[in-house]
Amino acid sequence: MFFNIFKKKPVYPENAKYQLGDFVRFRHRGELHFGFIHEARVENGEVLYTIQMGGECPTFVYNYKEENIVGKVN
């Protein structure tokens, strides 16, 4: 437990359109799904998201491109 204080906090991308915890709509396997933004990172100039679907037993969609997200739910 002592060594956890020395870990660096991950840096969230400044150019990301969606922020942590945003509730978004996206297409996954041909269907429209809803989920929360769990994480974001930049790779090759593109913002890639990890989206959490579900609550009690969540499923994660990794490396989802920003351009493929339909939009934010109010």
N, C-alpha and C. Protein backbone atom coordinates (compact mmCIF):
# COMPACT_ATOMS: atom_id res chain seq x y z
N MET A 1 0.81 -1.20 0.00
CA MET A 1 0.00 0.00 0.00
C MET A 1 0.86 1.27 0.00
N PHE A 2 2.00 1.19 0.63
CA PHE A 2 2.85 2.36 0.74
C PHE A 2 3.33 2.85 -0.62
N PHE A 3 3.59 1.94 -1.54
CA PHE A 3 4.16 2.31 -2.82
C PHE A 3 3.14 2.90 -3.78
N ASN A 4 1.87 2.80 -3.49
CA ASN A 4 0.84 3.36 -4.36
C ASN A 4 0.87 4.88 -4.41
N ILE A 5 1.46 5.54 -3.43
CA ILE A 5 1.49 7.00 -3.45
C ILE A 5 2.47 7.54 -4.49
N PHE A 6 3.36 6.70 -5.00
CA PHE A 6 4.35 7.15 -5.96
C PHE A 6 3.94 6.94 -7.41
N LYS A 7 2.79 6.30 -7.64
CA LYS A 7 2.35 6.08 -9.01
C LYS A 7 1.84 7.38 -9.62
N LYS A 8 2.13 7.55 -10.90
CA LYS A 8 1.67 8.74 -11.61
C LYS A 8 0.21 8.57 -11.99
N LYS A 9 -0.53 9.65 -11.89
CA LYS A 9 -1.92 9.65 -12.31
C LYS A 9 -1.96 9.74 -13.84
N PRO A 10 -2.76 8.89 -14.52
CA PRO A 10 -2.81 8.95 -15.98
C PRO A 10 -3.33 10.30 -16.46
N VAL A 11 -2.74 10.79 -17.52
CA VAL A 11 -3.11 12.10 -18.07
C VAL A 11 -4.23 11.90 -19.08
N TYR A 12 -5.31 12.65 -18.91
CA TYR A 12 -6.45 12.57 -19.82
C TYR A 12 -6.16 13.48 -21.02
N PRO A 13 -6.43 13.03 -22.25
CA PRO A 13 -6.13 13.85 -23.43
C PRO A 13 -6.90 15.18 -23.43
N GLU A 14 -6.19 16.24 -23.75
CA GLU A 14 -6.81 17.57 -23.76
C GLU A 14 -7.76 17.76 -24.93
N ASN A 15 -7.51 17.10 -26.05
CA ASN A 15 -8.34 17.29 -27.24
C ASN A 15 -9.50 16.29 -27.31
N ALA A 16 -9.80 15.60 -26.23
CA ALA A 16 -10.90 14.63 -26.21
C ALA A 16 -12.24 15.36 -26.17
N LYS A 17 -13.15 14.92 -27.01
CA LYS A 17 -14.48 15.53 -27.10
C LYS A 17 -15.34 15.14 -25.90
N TYR A 18 -15.19 13.91 -25.42
CA TYR A 18 -15.98 13.39 -24.30
C TYR A 18 -15.09 13.25 -23.07
N GLN A 19 -15.64 13.51 -21.90
CA GLN A 19 -14.90 13.46 -20.65
C GLN A 19 -15.25 12.20 -19.87
N LEU A 20 -14.48 11.91 -18.84
CA LEU A 20 -14.74 10.75 -18.00
C LEU A 20 -16.15 10.81 -17.43
N GLY A 21 -16.87 9.71 -17.47
CA GLY A 21 -18.20 9.63 -16.90
C GLY A 21 -19.32 10.10 -17.80
N ASP A 22 -19.02 10.61 -18.99
CA ASP A 22 -20.07 11.05 -19.91
C ASP A 22 -20.87 9.83 -20.38
N PHE A 23 -22.19 9.99 -20.45
CA PHE A 23 -23.10 8.94 -20.91
C PHE A 23 -23.29 9.13 -22.40
N VAL A 24 -22.85 8.15 -23.21
CA VAL A 24 -22.83 8.31 -24.66
C VAL A 24 -23.58 7.18 -25.35
N ARG A 25 -23.99 7.46 -26.61
CA ARG A 25 -24.58 6.45 -27.50
C ARG A 25 -23.51 6.07 -28.52
N PHE A 26 -23.48 4.79 -28.85
CA PHE A 26 -22.52 4.33 -29.85
C PHE A 26 -23.02 3.04 -30.48
N ARG A 27 -22.53 2.77 -31.68
CA ARG A 27 -22.90 1.54 -32.38
C ARG A 27 -21.83 0.48 -32.11
N HIS A 28 -22.31 -0.69 -31.69
CA HIS A 28 -21.41 -1.80 -31.41
C HIS A 28 -22.06 -3.07 -31.94
N ARG A 29 -21.39 -3.73 -32.88
CA ARG A 29 -21.89 -4.96 -33.51
C ARG A 29 -23.26 -4.76 -34.14
N GLY A 30 -23.44 -3.63 -34.81
CA GLY A 30 -24.65 -3.36 -35.57
C GLY A 30 -25.84 -2.88 -34.76
N GLU A 31 -25.69 -2.68 -33.47
CA GLU A 31 -26.78 -2.21 -32.62
C GLU A 31 -26.37 -0.93 -31.89
N LEU A 32 -27.38 -0.16 -31.50
CA LEU A 32 -27.13 1.07 -30.75
C LEU A 32 -27.07 0.73 -29.26
N HIS A 33 -25.98 1.12 -28.61
CA HIS A 33 -25.78 0.85 -27.19
C HIS A 33 -25.53 2.15 -26.45
N PHE A 34 -25.67 2.09 -25.14
CA PHE A 34 -25.37 3.22 -24.27
C PHE A 34 -24.27 2.80 -23.31
N GLY A 35 -23.45 3.77 -22.92
CA GLY A 35 -22.39 3.45 -21.99
C GLY A 35 -21.73 4.70 -21.44
N PHE A 36 -20.84 4.49 -20.50
CA PHE A 36 -20.10 5.57 -19.87
C PHE A 36 -18.66 5.56 -20.33
N ILE A 37 -18.09 6.75 -20.52
CA ILE A 37 -16.67 6.87 -20.87
C ILE A 37 -15.87 6.49 -19.63
N HIS A 38 -15.04 5.48 -19.79
CA HIS A 38 -14.25 4.98 -18.66
C HIS A 38 -12.80 5.46 -18.72
N GLU A 39 -12.28 5.60 -19.93
CA GLU A 39 -10.88 5.98 -20.11
C GLU A 39 -10.68 6.51 -21.53
N ALA A 40 -9.67 7.32 -21.72
CA ALA A 40 -9.34 7.83 -23.06
C ALA A 40 -7.83 7.94 -23.19
N ARG A 41 -7.36 7.75 -24.42
CA ARG A 41 -5.93 7.90 -24.70
C ARG A 41 -5.76 8.29 -26.16
N VAL A 42 -4.58 8.80 -26.48
CA VAL A 42 -4.28 9.21 -27.85
C VAL A 42 -3.28 8.23 -28.43
N GLU A 43 -3.60 7.74 -29.64
CA GLU A 43 -2.70 6.84 -30.34
C GLU A 43 -2.72 7.21 -31.82
N ASN A 44 -1.58 7.50 -32.38
CA ASN A 44 -1.43 7.90 -33.79
C ASN A 44 -2.30 9.11 -34.13
N GLY A 45 -2.44 10.04 -33.21
CA GLY A 45 -3.21 11.26 -33.45
C GLY A 45 -4.71 11.10 -33.29
N GLU A 46 -5.20 9.90 -32.98
CA GLU A 46 -6.63 9.66 -32.79
C GLU A 46 -6.91 9.43 -31.31
N VAL A 47 -8.06 9.92 -30.86
CA VAL A 47 -8.48 9.70 -29.48
C VAL A 47 -9.24 8.38 -29.44
N LEU A 48 -8.78 7.47 -28.59
CA LEU A 48 -9.43 6.17 -28.43
C LEU A 48 -10.02 6.08 -27.03
N TYR A 49 -11.24 5.56 -26.95
CA TYR A 49 -11.96 5.50 -25.68
C TYR A 49 -12.16 4.06 -25.23
N THR A 50 -12.26 3.88 -23.93
CA THR A 50 -12.76 2.64 -23.34
C THR A 50 -14.12 2.99 -22.78
N ILE A 51 -15.15 2.26 -23.23
CA ILE A 51 -16.53 2.56 -22.84
C ILE A 51 -17.06 1.41 -22.00
N GLN A 52 -17.70 1.77 -20.88
CA GLN A 52 -18.28 0.77 -19.99
C GLN A 52 -19.76 0.63 -20.29
N MET A 53 -20.17 -0.60 -20.61
CA MET A 53 -21.59 -0.90 -20.85
C MET A 53 -22.07 -1.73 -19.66
N GLY A 54 -23.24 -1.40 -19.14
CA GLY A 54 -23.79 -2.16 -18.02
C GLY A 54 -23.34 -1.59 -16.69
N GLY A 55 -23.91 -2.12 -15.62
CA GLY A 55 -23.61 -1.57 -14.31
C GLY A 55 -23.06 -2.57 -13.33
N GLU A 56 -23.89 -3.53 -12.90
CA GLU A 56 -23.47 -4.45 -11.86
C GLU A 56 -22.37 -5.40 -12.34
N CYS A 57 -22.50 -5.88 -13.55
CA CYS A 57 -21.49 -6.75 -14.16
C CYS A 57 -21.11 -6.12 -15.50
N PRO A 58 -20.25 -5.10 -15.50
CA PRO A 58 -20.00 -4.31 -16.71
C PRO A 58 -19.19 -5.05 -17.77
N THR A 59 -19.41 -4.61 -18.99
CA THR A 59 -18.62 -5.03 -20.14
C THR A 59 -17.92 -3.80 -20.67
N PHE A 60 -16.68 -3.95 -21.09
CA PHE A 60 -15.91 -2.83 -21.61
C PHE A 60 -15.65 -3.00 -23.09
N VAL A 61 -15.77 -1.90 -23.83
CA VAL A 61 -15.42 -1.86 -25.24
C VAL A 61 -14.14 -1.03 -25.32
N TYR A 62 -13.06 -1.65 -25.79
CA TYR A 62 -11.75 -1.01 -25.81
C TYR A 62 -11.44 -0.43 -27.18
N ASN A 63 -10.60 0.60 -27.19
CA ASN A 63 -10.07 1.22 -28.42
C ASN A 63 -11.18 1.66 -29.38
N TYR A 64 -12.17 2.32 -28.85
CA TYR A 64 -13.28 2.80 -29.66
C TYR A 64 -12.96 4.21 -30.14
N LYS A 65 -13.04 4.45 -31.44
CA LYS A 65 -12.67 5.75 -32.00
C LYS A 65 -13.73 6.80 -31.71
N GLU A 66 -13.26 8.04 -31.53
CA GLU A 66 -14.13 9.16 -31.21
C GLU A 66 -15.15 9.42 -32.33
N GLU A 67 -14.75 9.23 -33.57
CA GLU A 67 -15.64 9.51 -34.70
C GLU A 67 -16.78 8.51 -34.80
N ASN A 68 -16.68 7.35 -34.15
CA ASN A 68 -17.73 6.34 -34.21
C ASN A 68 -18.77 6.47 -33.11
N ILE A 69 -18.57 7.37 -32.17
CA ILE A 69 -19.55 7.60 -31.11
C ILE A 69 -20.64 8.50 -31.67
N VAL A 70 -21.91 8.09 -31.50
CA VAL A 70 -23.04 8.82 -32.06
C VAL A 70 -23.24 10.15 -31.37
N GLY A 71 -23.18 10.18 -30.05
CA GLY A 71 -23.34 11.44 -29.34
C GLY A 71 -23.52 11.24 -27.85
N LYS A 72 -23.55 12.36 -27.17
CA LYS A 72 -23.69 12.37 -25.72
C LYS A 72 -25.17 12.42 -25.37
N VAL A 73 -25.58 11.68 -24.32
CA VAL A 73 -26.95 11.69 -23.85
C VAL A 73 -27.03 12.69 -22.71
N ASN A 74 -28.03 13.56 -22.75
CA ASN A 74 -28.15 14.59 -21.70
C ASN A 74 -28.61 14.02 -20.41
